[in-house]
Each structure stands twice: as C-alpha cells, then as structure tokens.
Amino acid sequence: VWNTYGKTEVSYTIKDLKESLSKYAGKHFGSEFFENYI
C-alpha cells in the first residue's frame, strides 16, 4: 500500500485497499475479508 499510494502520494479509496489486498493475497482472500469484516 505504501509503494502504491504512499510514495506516490496518490490518495486511496476503500475499494483501492480491497484491490490491493486481493493483489497481495489473492482475489478470494481479499474479497472474503472485506465482504465479511469491512
């Protein structure tokens, strides 16, 4: 998240955080975490 949004100082949305998690841990993992807990 830092490399994508922090170093570039491009502000993020909640959707961006979800997509970043899916990119890192897999689409199923990212979707399940956000759908259930966020």
PDB file of all heavy atoms in Angstrom:
ATOM      1  N   VAL A   1       0.840  -1.196   0.000  1.00  0.00           N
ATOM      2  CA  VAL A   1       0.000   0.000   0.000  1.00  0.00           C
ATOM      3  C   VAL A   1       0.877   1.250   0.000  1.00  0.00           C
ATOM      4  O   VAL A   1       0.586   2.234  -0.692  1.00  0.00           O
ATOM      5  CB  VAL A   1      -0.955  -0.008   1.217  1.00  0.00           C
ATOM      6  CG1 VAL A   1      -1.710   1.308   1.320  1.00  0.00           C
ATOM      7  CG2 VAL A   1      -1.943  -1.173   1.116  1.00  0.00           C
ATOM      8  N   TRP A   2       1.967   1.208   0.753  1.00  0.00           N
ATOM      9  CA  TRP A   2       2.895   2.333   0.796  1.00  0.00           C
ATOM     10  C   TRP A   2       3.484   2.610  -0.590  1.00  0.00           C
ATOM     11  O   TRP A   2       3.507   3.752  -1.054  1.00  0.00           O
ATOM     12  CB  TRP A   2       4.004   2.048   1.803  1.00  0.00           C
ATOM     13  CG  TRP A   2       5.230   2.909   1.662  1.00  0.00           C
ATOM     14  CD1 TRP A   2       6.472   2.521   1.255  1.00  0.00           C
ATOM     15  CD2 TRP A   2       5.328   4.311   1.939  1.00  0.00           C
ATOM     16  NE1 TRP A   2       7.342   3.583   1.254  1.00  0.00           N
ATOM     17  CE2 TRP A   2       6.665   4.698   1.665  1.00  0.00           C
ATOM     18  CE3 TRP A   2       4.421   5.277   2.384  1.00  0.00           C
ATOM     19  CZ2 TRP A   2       7.112   6.006   1.827  1.00  0.00           C
ATOM     20  CZ3 TRP A   2       4.868   6.587   2.539  1.00  0.00           C
ATOM     21  CH2 TRP A   2       6.193   6.941   2.270  1.00  0.00           C
ATOM     22  N   ASN A   3       3.952   1.578  -1.239  1.00  0.00           N
ATOM     23  CA  ASN A   3       4.575   1.762  -2.550  1.00  0.00           C
ATOM     24  C   ASN A   3       3.590   2.261  -3.598  1.00  0.00           C
ATOM     25  O   ASN A   3       3.951   3.024  -4.499  1.00  0.00           O
ATOM     26  CB  ASN A   3       5.215   0.449  -3.019  1.00  0.00           C
ATOM     27  CG  ASN A   3       6.473   0.111  -2.236  1.00  0.00           C
ATOM     28  OD1 ASN A   3       7.198   0.988  -1.802  1.00  0.00           O
ATOM     29  ND2 ASN A   3       6.718  -1.177  -2.027  1.00  0.00           N
ATOM     30  N   THR A   4       2.326   1.840  -3.464  1.00  0.00           N
ATOM     31  CA  THR A   4       1.316   2.222  -4.458  1.00  0.00           C
ATOM     32  C   THR A   4       0.732   3.598  -4.190  1.00  0.00           C
ATOM     33  O   THR A   4       0.575   4.407  -5.110  1.00  0.00           O
ATOM     34  CB  THR A   4       0.175   1.176  -4.477  1.00  0.00           C
ATOM     35  OG1 THR A   4       0.735  -0.119  -4.695  1.00  0.00           O
ATOM     36  CG2 THR A   4      -0.826   1.500  -5.585  1.00  0.00           C
ATOM     37  N   TYR A   5       0.424   3.890  -2.928  1.00  0.00           N
ATOM     38  CA  TYR A   5      -0.297   5.115  -2.605  1.00  0.00           C
ATOM     39  C   TYR A   5       0.498   6.105  -1.746  1.00  0.00           C
ATOM     40  O   TYR A   5       0.229   7.308  -1.800  1.00  0.00           O
ATOM     41  CB  TYR A   5      -1.608   4.775  -1.885  1.00  0.00           C
ATOM     42  CG  TYR A   5      -2.503   3.903  -2.721  1.00  0.00           C
ATOM     43  CD1 TYR A   5      -2.629   2.535  -2.453  1.00  0.00           C
ATOM     44  CD2 TYR A   5      -3.201   4.429  -3.803  1.00  0.00           C
ATOM     45  CE1 TYR A   5      -3.438   1.725  -3.231  1.00  0.00           C
ATOM     46  CE2 TYR A   5      -4.009   3.618  -4.593  1.00  0.00           C
ATOM     47  CZ  TYR A   5      -4.111   2.264  -4.307  1.00  0.00           C
ATOM     48  OH  TYR A   5      -4.904   1.473  -5.090  1.00  0.00           O
ATOM     49  N   GLY A   6       1.443   5.612  -0.955  1.00  0.00           N
ATOM     50  CA  GLY A   6       2.174   6.492  -0.062  1.00  0.00           C
ATOM     51  C   GLY A   6       3.323   7.212  -0.728  1.00  0.00           C
ATOM     52  O   GLY A   6       3.412   8.440  -0.699  1.00  0.00           O
ATOM     53  N   LYS A   7       4.215   6.465  -1.344  1.00  0.00           N
ATOM     54  CA  LYS A   7       5.375   7.087  -2.001  1.00  0.00           C
ATOM     55  C   LYS A   7       4.936   8.009  -3.134  1.00  0.00           C
ATOM     56  O   LYS A   7       5.547   9.043  -3.389  1.00  0.00           O
ATOM     57  CB  LYS A   7       6.315   6.003  -2.540  1.00  0.00           C
ATOM     58  CG  LYS A   7       7.060   5.263  -1.459  1.00  0.00           C
ATOM     59  CD  LYS A   7       8.004   4.235  -2.039  1.00  0.00           C
ATOM     60  CE  LYS A   7       9.181   4.891  -2.741  1.00  0.00           C
ATOM     61  NZ  LYS A   7      10.207   3.892  -3.132  1.00  0.00           N
ATOM     62  N   THR A   8       3.876   7.612  -3.824  1.00  0.00           N
ATOM     63  CA  THR A   8       3.364   8.425  -4.938  1.00  0.00           C
ATOM     64  C   THR A   8       2.452   9.528  -4.466  1.00  0.00           C
ATOM     65  O   THR A   8       2.131  10.442  -5.229  1.00  0.00           O
ATOM     66  CB  THR A   8       2.592   7.532  -5.911  1.00  0.00           C
ATOM     67  OG1 THR A   8       1.484   6.912  -5.209  1.00  0.00           O
ATOM     68  CG2 THR A   8       3.475   6.442  -6.491  1.00  0.00           C
ATOM     69  N   GLU A   9       1.989   9.450  -3.203  1.00  0.00           N
ATOM     70  CA  GLU A   9       1.026  10.379  -2.611  1.00  0.00           C
ATOM     71  C   GLU A   9      -0.208  10.533  -3.484  1.00  0.00           C
ATOM     72  O   GLU A   9      -0.714  11.629  -3.708  1.00  0.00           O
ATOM     73  CB  GLU A   9       1.697  11.726  -2.312  1.00  0.00           C
ATOM     74  CG  GLU A   9       2.828  11.575  -1.303  1.00  0.00           C
ATOM     75  CD  GLU A   9       3.171  12.847  -0.562  1.00  0.00           C
ATOM     76  OE1 GLU A   9       2.233  13.525  -0.109  1.00  0.00           O
ATOM     77  OE2 GLU A   9       4.365  13.149  -0.428  1.00  0.00           O
ATOM     78  N   VAL A  10      -0.701   9.371  -3.935  1.00  0.00           N
ATOM     79  CA  VAL A  10      -1.987   9.288  -4.621  1.00  0.00           C
ATOM     80  C   VAL A  10      -2.992   8.768  -3.596  1.00  0.00           C
ATOM     81  O   VAL A  10      -2.851   7.652  -3.095  1.00  0.00           O
ATOM     82  CB  VAL A  10      -1.917   8.346  -5.836  1.00  0.00           C
ATOM     83  CG1 VAL A  10      -3.299   8.176  -6.456  1.00  0.00           C
ATOM     84  CG2 VAL A  10      -0.914   8.866  -6.867  1.00  0.00           C
ATOM     85  N   SER A  11      -3.989   9.555  -3.255  1.00  0.00           N
ATOM     86  CA  SER A  11      -4.922   9.156  -2.206  1.00  0.00           C
ATOM     87  C   SER A  11      -5.708   7.916  -2.614  1.00  0.00           C
ATOM     88  O   SER A  11      -5.941   7.662  -3.792  1.00  0.00           O
ATOM     89  CB  SER A  11      -5.872  10.309  -1.876  1.00  0.00           C
ATOM     90  OG  SER A  11      -6.586  10.720  -3.018  1.00  0.00           O
ATOM     91  N   TYR A  12      -6.108   7.133  -1.613  1.00  0.00           N
ATOM     92  CA  TYR A  12      -6.768   5.850  -1.865  1.00  0.00           C
ATOM     93  C   TYR A  12      -8.236   5.882  -1.455  1.00  0.00           C
ATOM     94  O   TYR A  12      -8.664   6.711  -0.656  1.00  0.00           O
ATOM     95  CB  TYR A  12      -6.054   4.733  -1.108  1.00  0.00           C
ATOM     96  CG  TYR A  12      -6.203   4.838   0.407  1.00  0.00           C
ATOM     97  CD1 TYR A  12      -7.326   4.338   1.073  1.00  0.00           C
ATOM     98  CD2 TYR A  12      -5.206   5.437   1.181  1.00  0.00           C
ATOM     99  CE1 TYR A  12      -7.463   4.438   2.449  1.00  0.00           C
ATOM    100  CE2 TYR A  12      -5.336   5.554   2.559  1.00  0.00           C
ATOM    101  CZ  TYR A  12      -6.468   5.045   3.189  1.00  0.00           C
ATOM    102  OH  TYR A  12      -6.609   5.153   4.545  1.00  0.00           O
ATOM    103  N   THR A  13      -8.993   4.926  -2.010  1.00  0.00           N
ATOM    104  CA  THR A  13     -10.366   4.669  -1.599  1.00  0.00           C
ATOM    105  C   THR A  13     -10.412   3.311  -0.903  1.00  0.00           C
ATOM    106  O   THR A  13      -9.440   2.538  -0.946  1.00  0.00           O
ATOM    107  CB  THR A  13     -11.309   4.651  -2.806  1.00  0.00           C
ATOM    108  OG1 THR A  13     -10.944   3.550  -3.662  1.00  0.00           O
ATOM    109  CG2 THR A  13     -11.213   5.955  -3.599  1.00  0.00           C
ATOM    110  N   ILE A  14     -11.539   2.993  -0.281  1.00  0.00           N
ATOM    111  CA  ILE A  14     -11.694   1.675   0.342  1.00  0.00           C
ATOM    112  C   ILE A  14     -11.608   0.582  -0.717  1.00  0.00           C
ATOM    113  O   ILE A  14     -11.019  -0.484  -0.493  1.00  0.00           O
ATOM    114  CB  ILE A  14     -13.021   1.605   1.120  1.00  0.00           C
ATOM    115  CG1 ILE A  14     -12.993   2.605   2.282  1.00  0.00           C
ATOM    116  CG2 ILE A  14     -13.274   0.194   1.643  1.00  0.00           C
ATOM    117  CD1 ILE A  14     -14.300   2.755   3.006  1.00  0.00           C
ATOM    118  N   LYS A  15     -12.146   0.854  -1.885  1.00  0.00           N
ATOM    119  CA  LYS A  15     -12.045  -0.101  -2.988  1.00  0.00           C
ATOM    120  C   LYS A  15     -10.587  -0.353  -3.349  1.00  0.00           C
ATOM    121  O   LYS A  15     -10.188  -1.488  -3.642  1.00  0.00           O
ATOM    122  CB  LYS A  15     -12.807   0.424  -4.203  1.00  0.00           C
ATOM    123  CG  LYS A  15     -12.781  -0.516  -5.403  1.00  0.00           C
ATOM    124  CD  LYS A  15     -13.530   0.081  -6.587  1.00  0.00           C
ATOM    125  CE  LYS A  15     -13.451  -0.832  -7.805  1.00  0.00           C
ATOM    126  NZ  LYS A  15     -14.123  -0.216  -8.980  1.00  0.00           N
ATOM    127  N   ASP A  16      -9.772   0.688  -3.299  1.00  0.00           N
ATOM    128  CA  ASP A  16      -8.340   0.527  -3.586  1.00  0.00           C
ATOM    129  C   ASP A  16      -7.680  -0.401  -2.568  1.00  0.00           C
ATOM    130  O   ASP A  16      -6.831  -1.228  -2.927  1.00  0.00           O
ATOM    131  CB  ASP A  16      -7.639   1.886  -3.554  1.00  0.00           C
ATOM    132  CG  ASP A  16      -8.040   2.785  -4.713  1.00  0.00           C
ATOM    133  OD1 ASP A  16      -8.375   2.262  -5.791  1.00  0.00           O
ATOM    134  OD2 ASP A  16      -8.028   4.017  -4.516  1.00  0.00           O
ATOM    135  N   LEU A  17      -8.042  -0.260  -1.294  1.00  0.00           N
ATOM    136  CA  LEU A  17      -7.471  -1.118  -0.267  1.00  0.00           C
ATOM    137  C   LEU A  17      -7.857  -2.572  -0.498  1.00  0.00           C
ATOM    138  O   LEU A  17      -7.036  -3.489  -0.325  1.00  0.00           O
ATOM    139  CB  LEU A  17      -7.934  -0.671   1.120  1.00  0.00           C
ATOM    140  CG  LEU A  17      -7.465   0.702   1.606  1.00  0.00           C
ATOM    141  CD1 LEU A  17      -8.068   1.010   2.972  1.00  0.00           C
ATOM    142  CD2 LEU A  17      -5.945   0.781   1.668  1.00  0.00           C
ATOM    143  N   LYS A  18      -9.098  -2.793  -0.883  1.00  0.00           N
ATOM    144  CA  LYS A  18      -9.561  -4.148  -1.171  1.00  0.00           C
ATOM    145  C   LYS A  18      -8.806  -4.731  -2.355  1.00  0.00           C
ATOM    146  O   LYS A  18      -8.339  -5.886  -2.308  1.00  0.00           O
ATOM    147  CB  LYS A  18     -11.066  -4.132  -1.450  1.00  0.00           C
ATOM    148  CG  LYS A  18     -11.638  -5.503  -1.824  1.00  0.00           C
ATOM    149  CD  LYS A  18     -13.116  -5.400  -2.165  1.00  0.00           C
ATOM    150  CE  LYS A  18     -13.656  -6.760  -2.628  1.00  0.00           C
ATOM    151  NZ  LYS A  18     -15.093  -6.682  -3.002  1.00  0.00           N
ATOM    152  N   GLU A  19      -8.677  -3.964  -3.412  1.00  0.00           N
ATOM    153  CA  GLU A  19      -7.978  -4.461  -4.597  1.00  0.00           C
ATOM    154  C   GLU A  19      -6.505  -4.708  -4.311  1.00  0.00           C
ATOM    155  O   GLU A  19      -5.910  -5.656  -4.835  1.00  0.00           O
ATOM    156  CB  GLU A  19      -8.143  -3.462  -5.743  1.00  0.00           C
ATOM    157  CG  GLU A  19      -9.572  -3.403  -6.281  1.00  0.00           C
ATOM    158  CD  GLU A  19      -9.748  -2.378  -7.390  1.00  0.00           C
ATOM    159  OE1 GLU A  19      -8.793  -1.596  -7.624  1.00  0.00           O
ATOM    160  OE2 GLU A  19     -10.829  -2.355  -8.003  1.00  0.00           O
ATOM    161  N   SER A  20      -5.926  -3.882  -3.454  1.00  0.00           N
ATOM    162  CA  SER A  20      -4.530  -4.077  -3.089  1.00  0.00           C
ATOM    163  C   SER A  20      -4.344  -5.360  -2.291  1.00  0.00           C
ATOM    164  O   SER A  20      -3.371  -6.097  -2.493  1.00  0.00           O
ATOM    165  CB  SER A  20      -4.031  -2.874  -2.283  1.00  0.00           C
ATOM    166  OG  SER A  20      -2.635  -2.926  -2.102  1.00  0.00           O
ATOM    167  N   LEU A  21      -5.287  -5.655  -1.392  1.00  0.00           N
ATOM    168  CA  LEU A  21      -5.226  -6.899  -0.633  1.00  0.00           C
ATOM    169  C   LEU A  21      -5.413  -8.103  -1.556  1.00  0.00           C
ATOM    170  O   LEU A  21      -4.729  -9.128  -1.409  1.00  0.00           O
ATOM    171  CB  LEU A  21      -6.267  -6.907   0.476  1.00  0.00           C
ATOM    172  CG  LEU A  21      -6.263  -8.140   1.400  1.00  0.00           C
ATOM    173  CD1 LEU A  21      -4.922  -8.293   2.099  1.00  0.00           C
ATOM    174  CD2 LEU A  21      -7.403  -8.053   2.423  1.00  0.00           C
ATOM    175  N   SER A  22      -6.325  -7.992  -2.504  1.00  0.00           N
ATOM    176  CA  SER A  22      -6.551  -9.074  -3.457  1.00  0.00           C
ATOM    177  C   SER A  22      -5.311  -9.316  -4.311  1.00  0.00           C
ATOM    178  O   SER A  22      -4.965 -10.458  -4.630  1.00  0.00           O
ATOM    179  CB  SER A  22      -7.753  -8.752  -4.355  1.00  0.00           C
ATOM    180  OG  SER A  22      -8.943  -8.679  -3.595  1.00  0.00           O
ATOM    181  N   LYS A  23      -4.643  -8.258  -4.671  1.00  0.00           N
ATOM    182  CA  LYS A  23      -3.405  -8.379  -5.454  1.00  0.00           C
ATOM    183  C   LYS A  23      -2.328  -9.077  -4.642  1.00  0.00           C
ATOM    184  O   LYS A  23      -1.569  -9.903  -5.170  1.00  0.00           O
ATOM    185  CB  LYS A  23      -2.937  -6.994  -5.887  1.00  0.00           C
ATOM    186  CG  LYS A  23      -1.636  -6.993  -6.676  1.00  0.00           C
ATOM    187  CD  LYS A  23      -1.219  -5.575  -7.043  1.00  0.00           C
ATOM    188  CE  LYS A  23       0.111  -5.567  -7.788  1.00  0.00           C
ATOM    189  NZ  LYS A  23       0.542  -4.178  -8.118  1.00  0.00           N
ATOM    190  N   TYR A  24      -2.278  -8.785  -3.344  1.00  0.00           N
ATOM    191  CA  TYR A  24      -1.237  -9.344  -2.485  1.00  0.00           C
ATOM    192  C   TYR A  24      -1.544 -10.776  -2.068  1.00  0.00           C
ATOM    193  O   TYR A  24      -0.673 -11.652  -2.127  1.00  0.00           O
ATOM    194  CB  TYR A  24      -1.055  -8.467  -1.247  1.00  0.00           C
ATOM    195  CG  TYR A  24      -0.103  -9.044  -0.225  1.00  0.00           C
ATOM    196  CD1 TYR A  24       1.237  -9.253  -0.544  1.00  0.00           C
ATOM    197  CD2 TYR A  24      -0.535  -9.381   1.061  1.00  0.00           C
ATOM    198  CE1 TYR A  24       2.122  -9.792   0.386  1.00  0.00           C
ATOM    199  CE2 TYR A  24       0.337  -9.915   1.993  1.00  0.00           C
ATOM    200  CZ  TYR A  24       1.665 -10.127   1.651  1.00  0.00           C
ATOM    201  OH  TYR A  24       2.533 -10.664   2.570  1.00  0.00           O
ATOM    202  N   ALA A  25      -2.788 -11.045  -1.650  1.00  0.00           N
ATOM    203  CA  ALA A  25      -3.120 -12.337  -1.034  1.00  0.00           C
ATOM    204  C   ALA A  25      -4.047 -13.193  -1.880  1.00  0.00           C
ATOM    205  O   ALA A  25      -4.387 -14.306  -1.465  1.00  0.00           O
ATOM    206  CB  ALA A  25      -3.744 -12.105   0.335  1.00  0.00           C
ATOM    207  N   GLY A  26      -4.483 -12.685  -3.011  1.00  0.00           N
ATOM    208  CA  GLY A  26      -5.410 -13.438  -3.849  1.00  0.00           C
ATOM    209  C   GLY A  26      -6.801 -12.839  -3.805  1.00  0.00           C
ATOM    210  O   GLY A  26      -7.227 -12.314  -2.771  1.00  0.00           O
ATOM    211  N   LYS A  27      -7.499 -12.928  -4.918  1.00  0.00           N
ATOM    212  CA  LYS A  27      -8.813 -12.297  -5.035  1.00  0.00           C
ATOM    213  C   LYS A  27      -9.799 -12.855  -4.017  1.00  0.00           C
ATOM    214  O   LYS A  27     -10.572 -12.106  -3.408  1.00  0.00           O
ATOM    215  CB  LYS A  27      -9.348 -12.475  -6.446  1.00  0.00           C
ATOM    216  CG  LYS A  27     -10.643 -11.744  -6.706  1.00  0.00           C
ATOM    217  CD  LYS A  27     -11.070 -11.841  -8.167  1.00  0.00           C
ATOM    218  CE  LYS A  27     -12.359 -11.072  -8.413  1.00  0.00           C
ATOM    219  NZ  LYS A  27     -12.778 -11.168  -9.846  1.00  0.00           N
ATOM    220  N   HIS A  28      -9.796 -14.173  -3.828  1.00  0.00           N
ATOM    221  CA  HIS A  28     -10.743 -14.782  -2.879  1.00  0.00           C
ATOM    222  C   HIS A  28     -10.483 -14.283  -1.465  1.00  0.00           C
ATOM    223  O   HIS A  28     -11.426 -13.910  -0.747  1.00  0.00           O
ATOM    224  CB  HIS A  28     -10.640 -16.301  -2.929  1.00  0.00           C
ATOM    225  CG  HIS A  28     -11.510 -16.983  -1.914  1.00  0.00           C
ATOM    226  ND1 HIS A  28     -12.884 -17.064  -2.026  1.00  0.00           N
ATOM    227  CD2 HIS A  28     -11.195 -17.584  -0.725  1.00  0.00           C
ATOM    228  CE1 HIS A  28     -13.377 -17.690  -0.980  1.00  0.00           C
ATOM    229  NE2 HIS A  28     -12.382 -18.019  -0.170  1.00  0.00           N
ATOM    230  N   PHE A  29      -9.211 -14.254  -1.067  1.00  0.00           N
ATOM    231  CA  PHE A  29      -8.865 -13.796   0.285  1.00  0.00           C
ATOM    232  C   PHE A  29      -9.288 -12.347   0.478  1.00  0.00           C
ATOM    233  O   PHE A  29      -9.925 -11.996   1.475  1.00  0.00           O
ATOM    234  CB  PHE A  29      -7.357 -13.942   0.508  1.00  0.00           C
ATOM    235  CG  PHE A  29      -6.915 -13.602   1.912  1.00  0.00           C
ATOM    236  CD1 PHE A  29      -6.673 -14.602   2.833  1.00  0.00           C
ATOM    237  CD2 PHE A  29      -6.734 -12.281   2.327  1.00  0.00           C
ATOM    238  CE1 PHE A  29      -6.264 -14.293   4.134  1.00  0.00           C
ATOM    239  CE2 PHE A  29      -6.337 -11.959   3.610  1.00  0.00           C
ATOM    240  CZ  PHE A  29      -6.099 -12.975   4.518  1.00  0.00           C
ATOM    241  N   GLY A  30      -8.937 -11.484  -0.478  1.00  0.00           N
ATOM    242  CA  GLY A  30      -9.261 -10.068  -0.354  1.00  0.00           C
ATOM    243  C   GLY A  30     -10.752  -9.812  -0.305  1.00  0.00           C
ATOM    244  O   GLY A  30     -11.244  -9.035   0.509  1.00  0.00           O
ATOM    245  N   SER A  31     -11.487 -10.479  -1.177  1.00  0.00           N
ATOM    246  CA  SER A  31     -12.943 -10.296  -1.213  1.00  0.00           C
ATOM    247  C   SER A  31     -13.591 -10.783   0.068  1.00  0.00           C
ATOM    248  O   SER A  31     -14.478 -10.121   0.617  1.00  0.00           O
ATOM    249  CB  SER A  31     -13.531 -11.040  -2.415  1.00  0.00           C
ATOM    250  OG  SER A  31     -13.070 -10.488  -3.626  1.00  0.00           O
ATOM    251  N   GLU A  32     -13.161 -11.942   0.555  1.00  0.00           N
ATOM    252  CA  GLU A  32     -13.762 -12.508   1.762  1.00  0.00           C
ATOM    253  C   GLU A  32     -13.525 -11.608   2.972  1.00  0.00           C
ATOM    254  O   GLU A  32     -14.438 -11.363   3.766  1.00  0.00           O
ATOM    255  CB  GLU A  32     -13.188 -13.900   2.031  1.00  0.00           C
ATOM    256  CG  GLU A  32     -13.875 -14.619   3.181  1.00  0.00           C
ATOM    257  CD  GLU A  32     -13.384 -16.044   3.342  1.00  0.00           C
ATOM    258  OE1 GLU A  32     -12.215 -16.207   3.781  1.00  0.00           O
ATOM    259  OE2 GLU A  32     -14.131 -16.974   3.031  1.00  0.00           O
ATOM    260  N   PHE A  33     -12.305 -11.079   3.117  1.00  0.00           N
ATOM    261  CA  PHE A  33     -12.023 -10.215   4.268  1.00  0.00           C
ATOM    262  C   PHE A  33     -12.870  -8.953   4.226  1.00  0.00           C
ATOM    263  O   PHE A  33     -13.503  -8.578   5.227  1.00  0.00           O
ATOM    264  CB  PHE A  33     -10.532  -9.852   4.304  1.00  0.00           C
ATOM    265  CG  PHE A  33     -10.160  -8.999   5.486  1.00  0.00           C
ATOM    266  CD1 PHE A  33      -9.904  -9.589   6.718  1.00  0.00           C
ATOM    267  CD2 PHE A  33     -10.101  -7.610   5.395  1.00  0.00           C
ATOM    268  CE1 PHE A  33      -9.590  -8.809   7.826  1.00  0.00           C
ATOM    269  CE2 PHE A  33      -9.790  -6.823   6.487  1.00  0.00           C
ATOM    270  CZ  PHE A  33      -9.528  -7.425   7.713  1.00  0.00           C
ATOM    271  N   PHE A  34     -12.922  -8.295   3.090  1.00  0.00           N
ATOM    272  CA  PHE A  34     -13.667  -7.035   3.013  1.00  0.00           C
ATOM    273  C   PHE A  34     -15.171  -7.265   3.098  1.00  0.00           C
ATOM    274  O   PHE A  34     -15.881  -6.493   3.753  1.00  0.00           O
ATOM    275  CB  PHE A  34     -13.290  -6.273   1.740  1.00  0.00           C
ATOM    276  CG  PHE A  34     -12.109  -5.365   1.923  1.00  0.00           C
ATOM    277  CD1 PHE A  34     -10.820  -5.874   1.923  1.00  0.00           C
ATOM    278  CD2 PHE A  34     -12.286  -4.010   2.144  1.00  0.00           C
ATOM    279  CE1 PHE A  34      -9.723  -5.049   2.117  1.00  0.00           C
ATOM    280  CE2 PHE A  34     -11.200  -3.173   2.348  1.00  0.00           C
ATOM    281  CZ  PHE A  34      -9.907  -3.694   2.340  1.00  0.00           C
ATOM    282  N   GLU A  35     -15.674  -8.296   2.429  1.00  0.00           N
ATOM    283  CA  GLU A  35     -17.118  -8.536   2.445  1.00  0.00           C
ATOM    284  C   GLU A  35     -17.611  -8.889   3.842  1.00  0.00           C
ATOM    285  O   GLU A  35     -18.680  -8.435   4.267  1.00  0.00           O
ATOM    286  CB  GLU A  35     -17.483  -9.652   1.458  1.00  0.00           C
ATOM    287  CG  GLU A  35     -17.292  -9.282   0.001  1.00  0.00           C
ATOM    288  CD  GLU A  35     -18.133  -8.093  -0.429  1.00  0.00           C
ATOM    289  OE1 GLU A  35     -19.237  -7.915   0.107  1.00  0.00           O
ATOM    290  OE2 GLU A  35     -17.664  -7.330  -1.291  1.00  0.00           O
ATOM    291  N   ASN A  36     -16.851  -9.665   4.585  1.00  0.00           N
ATOM    292  CA  ASN A  36     -17.299 -10.127   5.897  1.00  0.00           C
ATOM    293  C   ASN A  36     -17.015  -9.147   7.023  1.00  0.00           C
ATOM    294  O   ASN A  36     -17.827  -9.006   7.947  1.00  0.00           O
ATOM    295  CB  ASN A  36     -16.638 -11.473   6.234  1.00  0.00           C
ATOM    296  CG  ASN A  36     -17.127 -12.589   5.353  1.00  0.00           C
ATOM    297  OD1 ASN A  36     -18.255 -12.558   4.852  1.00  0.00           O
ATOM    298  ND2 ASN A  36     -16.288 -13.595   5.137  1.00  0.00           N
ATOM    299  N   TYR A  37     -15.882  -8.457   6.957  1.00  0.00           N
ATOM    300  CA  TYR A  37     -15.430  -7.718   8.130  1.00  0.00           C
ATOM    301  C   TYR A  37     -15.365  -6.203   7.939  1.00  0.00           C
ATOM    302  O   TYR A  37     -15.315  -5.476   8.934  1.00  0.00           O
ATOM    303  CB  TYR A  37     -14.048  -8.232   8.565  1.00  0.00           C
ATOM    304  CG  TYR A  37     -13.993  -9.726   8.661  1.00  0.00           C
ATOM    305  CD1 TYR A  37     -13.013 -10.463   7.994  1.00  0.00           C
ATOM    306  CD2 TYR A  37     -14.937 -10.433   9.414  1.00  0.00           C
ATOM    307  CE1 TYR A  37     -12.966 -11.842   8.082  1.00  0.00           C
ATOM    308  CE2 TYR A  37     -14.909 -11.820   9.500  1.00  0.00           C
ATOM    309  CZ  TYR A  37     -13.919 -12.520   8.825  1.00  0.00           C
ATOM    310  OH  TYR A  37     -13.881 -13.889   8.904  1.00  0.00           O
ATOM    311  N   ILE A  38     -15.383  -5.726   6.706  1.00  0.00           N
ATOM    312  CA  ILE A  38     -15.361  -4.285   6.456  1.00  0.00           C
ATOM    313  C   ILE A  38     -16.741  -3.805   6.001  1.00  0.00           C
ATOM    314  O   ILE A  38     -17.300  -2.872   6.563  1.00  0.00           O
ATOM    315  CB  ILE A  38     -14.290  -3.906   5.415  1.00  0.00           C
ATOM    316  CG1 ILE A  38     -12.923  -4.438   5.842  1.00  0.00           C
ATOM    317  CG2 ILE A  38     -14.263  -2.388   5.219  1.00  0.00           C
ATOM    318  CD1 ILE A  38     -12.452  -3.974   7.200  1.00  0.00           C
TER     319      ILE A  38
END
